[in-house]
Amino acid sequence: MAEIVRRLQEEGHVIDPEDLAHISPYLTEHIRRFGEYSTHELGLQPEANNPHLDVDFSPLPGDGPGADGYGQAA
């Protein structure tokens, strides 16, 4: 498009920048970039989150600080 505009200017045509603002080589009106989504679920409340984890985080035997030799002064 830029080359065509340059040629038109060389031929003596006056190109108005406002006219160029209305054309684009990248047509996007027909593209649904993020898909189509239904919005009727927006009013639904999610279930409450239970932050409790049923996991034992107590240290295992031999896993204490310095058990592998790391963390000790040289």
N, C-alpha and C. Protein backbone atom coordinates (compact mmCIF):
# COMPACT_ATOMS: atom_id res chain seq x y z
N MET A 1 0.82 -1.19 0.00
CA MET A 1 0.00 0.00 0.00
C MET A 1 0.87 1.25 0.00
N ALA A 2 1.96 1.21 0.76
CA ALA A 2 2.83 2.38 0.83
C ALA A 2 3.41 2.70 -0.54
N GLU A 3 3.78 1.65 -1.28
CA GLU A 3 4.35 1.87 -2.61
C GLU A 3 3.32 2.50 -3.55
N ILE A 4 2.10 2.06 -3.47
CA ILE A 4 1.03 2.62 -4.32
C ILE A 4 0.79 4.08 -3.97
N VAL A 5 0.79 4.40 -2.68
CA VAL A 5 0.60 5.80 -2.26
C VAL A 5 1.75 6.65 -2.79
N ARG A 6 2.97 6.13 -2.72
CA ARG A 6 4.13 6.88 -3.25
C ARG A 6 3.98 7.12 -4.75
N ARG A 7 3.55 6.09 -5.47
CA ARG A 7 3.36 6.25 -6.92
C ARG A 7 2.31 7.31 -7.23
N LEU A 8 1.20 7.28 -6.50
CA LEU A 8 0.14 8.27 -6.71
C LEU A 8 0.66 9.68 -6.44
N GLN A 9 1.47 9.83 -5.40
CA GLN A 9 2.04 11.15 -5.10
C GLN A 9 2.98 11.59 -6.22
N GLU A 10 3.77 10.65 -6.74
CA GLU A 10 4.69 10.98 -7.84
C GLU A 10 3.91 11.41 -9.09
N GLU A 11 2.72 10.86 -9.27
CA GLU A 11 1.90 11.21 -10.42
C GLU A 11 1.16 12.53 -10.21
N GLY A 12 1.31 13.12 -9.02
CA GLY A 12 0.70 14.41 -8.77
C GLY A 12 -0.59 14.38 -7.97
N HIS A 13 -1.00 13.20 -7.54
CA HIS A 13 -2.22 13.11 -6.73
C HIS A 13 -1.92 13.60 -5.31
N VAL A 14 -2.88 14.33 -4.77
CA VAL A 14 -2.74 14.79 -3.39
C VAL A 14 -3.36 13.73 -2.48
N ILE A 15 -2.54 13.24 -1.54
CA ILE A 15 -2.99 12.20 -0.62
C ILE A 15 -3.24 12.85 0.74
N ASP A 16 -4.47 12.76 1.18
CA ASP A 16 -4.86 13.33 2.47
C ASP A 16 -4.62 12.28 3.57
N PRO A 17 -3.86 12.60 4.59
CA PRO A 17 -3.60 11.64 5.67
C PRO A 17 -4.89 11.10 6.32
N GLU A 18 -5.94 11.91 6.35
CA GLU A 18 -7.21 11.45 6.92
C GLU A 18 -7.81 10.33 6.07
N ASP A 19 -7.60 10.38 4.76
CA ASP A 19 -8.08 9.31 3.88
C ASP A 19 -7.32 8.01 4.16
N LEU A 20 -6.02 8.13 4.38
CA LEU A 20 -5.22 6.94 4.67
C LEU A 20 -5.59 6.32 6.02
N ALA A 21 -6.10 7.12 6.93
CA ALA A 21 -6.47 6.61 8.25
C ALA A 21 -7.65 5.64 8.18
N HIS A 22 -8.39 5.68 7.08
CA HIS A 22 -9.58 4.83 6.94
C HIS A 22 -9.30 3.51 6.24
N ILE A 23 -8.09 3.32 5.75
CA ILE A 23 -7.77 2.06 5.08
C ILE A 23 -6.71 1.32 5.89
N SER A 24 -6.72 0.00 5.79
CA SER A 24 -5.76 -0.78 6.55
C SER A 24 -5.48 -2.08 5.81
N PRO A 25 -4.22 -2.50 5.74
CA PRO A 25 -3.91 -3.78 5.12
C PRO A 25 -4.22 -4.94 6.06
N TYR A 26 -4.51 -4.65 7.30
CA TYR A 26 -4.75 -5.67 8.32
C TYR A 26 -6.21 -5.61 8.74
N LEU A 27 -7.06 -6.31 8.01
CA LEU A 27 -8.49 -6.30 8.29
C LEU A 27 -8.78 -7.26 9.44
N THR A 28 -9.45 -6.76 10.47
CA THR A 28 -9.68 -7.59 11.65
C THR A 28 -11.13 -7.65 12.08
N GLU A 29 -12.02 -7.02 11.36
CA GLU A 29 -13.42 -6.98 11.80
C GLU A 29 -14.04 -8.37 11.84
N HIS A 30 -13.61 -9.28 10.98
CA HIS A 30 -14.20 -10.61 10.91
C HIS A 30 -13.52 -11.61 11.86
N ILE A 31 -12.43 -11.21 12.51
CA ILE A 31 -11.67 -12.11 13.37
C ILE A 31 -12.15 -12.00 14.80
N ARG A 32 -12.42 -13.15 15.41
CA ARG A 32 -12.74 -13.21 16.83
C ARG A 32 -11.49 -13.73 17.53
N ARG A 33 -10.59 -12.83 17.87
CA ARG A 33 -9.27 -13.20 18.36
C ARG A 33 -9.32 -14.12 19.57
N PHE A 34 -10.22 -13.87 20.48
CA PHE A 34 -10.30 -14.66 21.70
C PHE A 34 -11.53 -15.56 21.71
N GLY A 35 -12.13 -15.79 20.56
CA GLY A 35 -13.29 -16.65 20.47
C GLY A 35 -14.56 -15.91 20.84
N GLU A 36 -15.63 -16.66 20.88
CA GLU A 36 -16.92 -16.09 21.28
C GLU A 36 -17.31 -16.74 22.60
N TYR A 37 -17.67 -15.93 23.55
CA TYR A 37 -17.96 -16.43 24.88
C TYR A 37 -19.35 -15.99 25.32
N SER A 38 -19.99 -16.86 26.01
CA SER A 38 -21.29 -16.55 26.58
C SER A 38 -21.07 -15.79 27.89
N THR A 39 -21.87 -14.79 28.12
CA THR A 39 -21.70 -14.01 29.35
C THR A 39 -22.80 -14.26 30.37
N HIS A 40 -23.70 -15.20 30.10
CA HIS A 40 -24.78 -15.41 31.05
C HIS A 40 -24.29 -16.05 32.35
N GLU A 41 -23.08 -16.63 32.35
CA GLU A 41 -22.55 -17.23 33.57
C GLU A 41 -21.86 -16.21 34.48
N LEU A 42 -21.76 -14.97 34.06
CA LEU A 42 -21.03 -13.98 34.85
C LEU A 42 -21.65 -13.75 36.22
N GLY A 43 -22.94 -13.98 36.36
CA GLY A 43 -23.59 -13.77 37.65
C GLY A 43 -23.48 -14.95 38.60
N LEU A 44 -22.92 -16.08 38.13
CA LEU A 44 -22.82 -17.26 38.98
C LEU A 44 -21.67 -17.10 39.97
N GLN A 45 -21.90 -17.50 41.21
CA GLN A 45 -20.87 -17.45 42.24
C GLN A 45 -20.12 -18.79 42.27
N PRO A 46 -18.80 -18.78 42.32
CA PRO A 46 -18.06 -20.03 42.42
C PRO A 46 -18.19 -20.62 43.82
N GLU A 47 -17.92 -21.90 43.93
CA GLU A 47 -17.95 -22.53 45.24
C GLU A 47 -16.84 -21.94 46.10
N ALA A 48 -17.07 -21.91 47.41
CA ALA A 48 -16.07 -21.37 48.33
C ALA A 48 -14.82 -22.26 48.30
N ASN A 49 -13.68 -21.63 48.37
CA ASN A 49 -12.42 -22.34 48.38
C ASN A 49 -12.11 -22.82 49.79
N ASN A 50 -11.74 -24.09 49.93
CA ASN A 50 -11.31 -24.62 51.21
C ASN A 50 -9.79 -24.65 51.22
N PRO A 51 -9.13 -23.74 51.97
CA PRO A 51 -7.68 -23.66 51.93
C PRO A 51 -6.98 -24.77 52.71
N HIS A 52 -7.71 -25.61 53.43
CA HIS A 52 -7.10 -26.66 54.24
C HIS A 52 -6.55 -27.78 53.35
N LEU A 53 -5.27 -28.10 53.53
CA LEU A 53 -4.66 -29.22 52.83
C LEU A 53 -4.44 -30.33 53.84
N ASP A 54 -4.79 -31.53 53.49
CA ASP A 54 -4.63 -32.66 54.40
C ASP A 54 -3.26 -33.31 54.13
N VAL A 55 -2.18 -32.54 54.44
CA VAL A 55 -0.82 -32.99 54.17
C VAL A 55 0.00 -32.81 55.44
N ASP A 56 0.81 -33.81 55.76
CA ASP A 56 1.69 -33.74 56.93
C ASP A 56 3.02 -33.13 56.48
N PHE A 57 3.31 -31.91 56.96
CA PHE A 57 4.54 -31.22 56.58
C PHE A 57 5.64 -31.39 57.62
N SER A 58 5.51 -32.33 58.51
CA SER A 58 6.57 -32.52 59.52
C SER A 58 7.81 -33.09 58.84
N PRO A 59 9.01 -32.73 59.34
CA PRO A 59 10.26 -33.19 58.71
C PRO A 59 10.39 -34.71 58.78
N LEU A 60 10.96 -35.29 57.76
CA LEU A 60 11.23 -36.72 57.74
C LEU A 60 12.53 -36.99 58.48
N PRO A 61 12.70 -38.17 59.03
CA PRO A 61 13.96 -38.47 59.72
C PRO A 61 15.14 -38.31 58.77
N GLY A 62 16.16 -37.60 59.24
CA GLY A 62 17.35 -37.38 58.42
C GLY A 62 17.23 -36.20 57.47
N ASP A 63 16.08 -35.50 57.47
CA ASP A 63 15.90 -34.35 56.59
C ASP A 63 16.09 -33.03 57.31
N GLY A 64 16.63 -33.06 58.50
CA GLY A 64 16.83 -31.82 59.24
C GLY A 64 17.93 -30.99 58.63
N PRO A 65 18.11 -29.76 59.10
CA PRO A 65 19.17 -28.89 58.58
C PRO A 65 20.53 -29.51 58.79
N GLY A 66 21.33 -29.51 57.76
CA GLY A 66 22.69 -30.03 57.85
C GLY A 66 22.77 -31.54 57.70
N ALA A 67 21.69 -32.23 57.51
CA ALA A 67 21.73 -33.69 57.41
C ALA A 67 22.46 -34.14 56.15
N ASP A 68 22.44 -33.33 55.12
CA ASP A 68 23.12 -33.72 53.87
C ASP A 68 24.46 -33.02 53.71
N GLY A 69 24.87 -32.26 54.71
CA GLY A 69 26.15 -31.56 54.62
C GLY A 69 26.06 -30.15 54.10
N TYR A 70 24.90 -29.77 53.54
CA TYR A 70 24.73 -28.39 53.05
C TYR A 70 24.33 -27.50 54.20
N GLY A 71 24.70 -26.27 54.13
CA GLY A 71 24.28 -25.30 55.13
C GLY A 71 25.22 -25.25 56.32
N GLN A 72 26.26 -26.04 56.35
CA GLN A 72 27.19 -25.99 57.47
C GLN A 72 28.39 -25.13 57.07
N ALA A 73 28.94 -24.47 58.08
CA ALA A 73 30.11 -23.61 57.83
C ALA A 73 31.31 -24.46 57.43
N ALA A 74 32.13 -23.93 56.56
CA ALA A 74 33.29 -24.68 56.07
C ALA A 74 34.43 -24.59 57.04
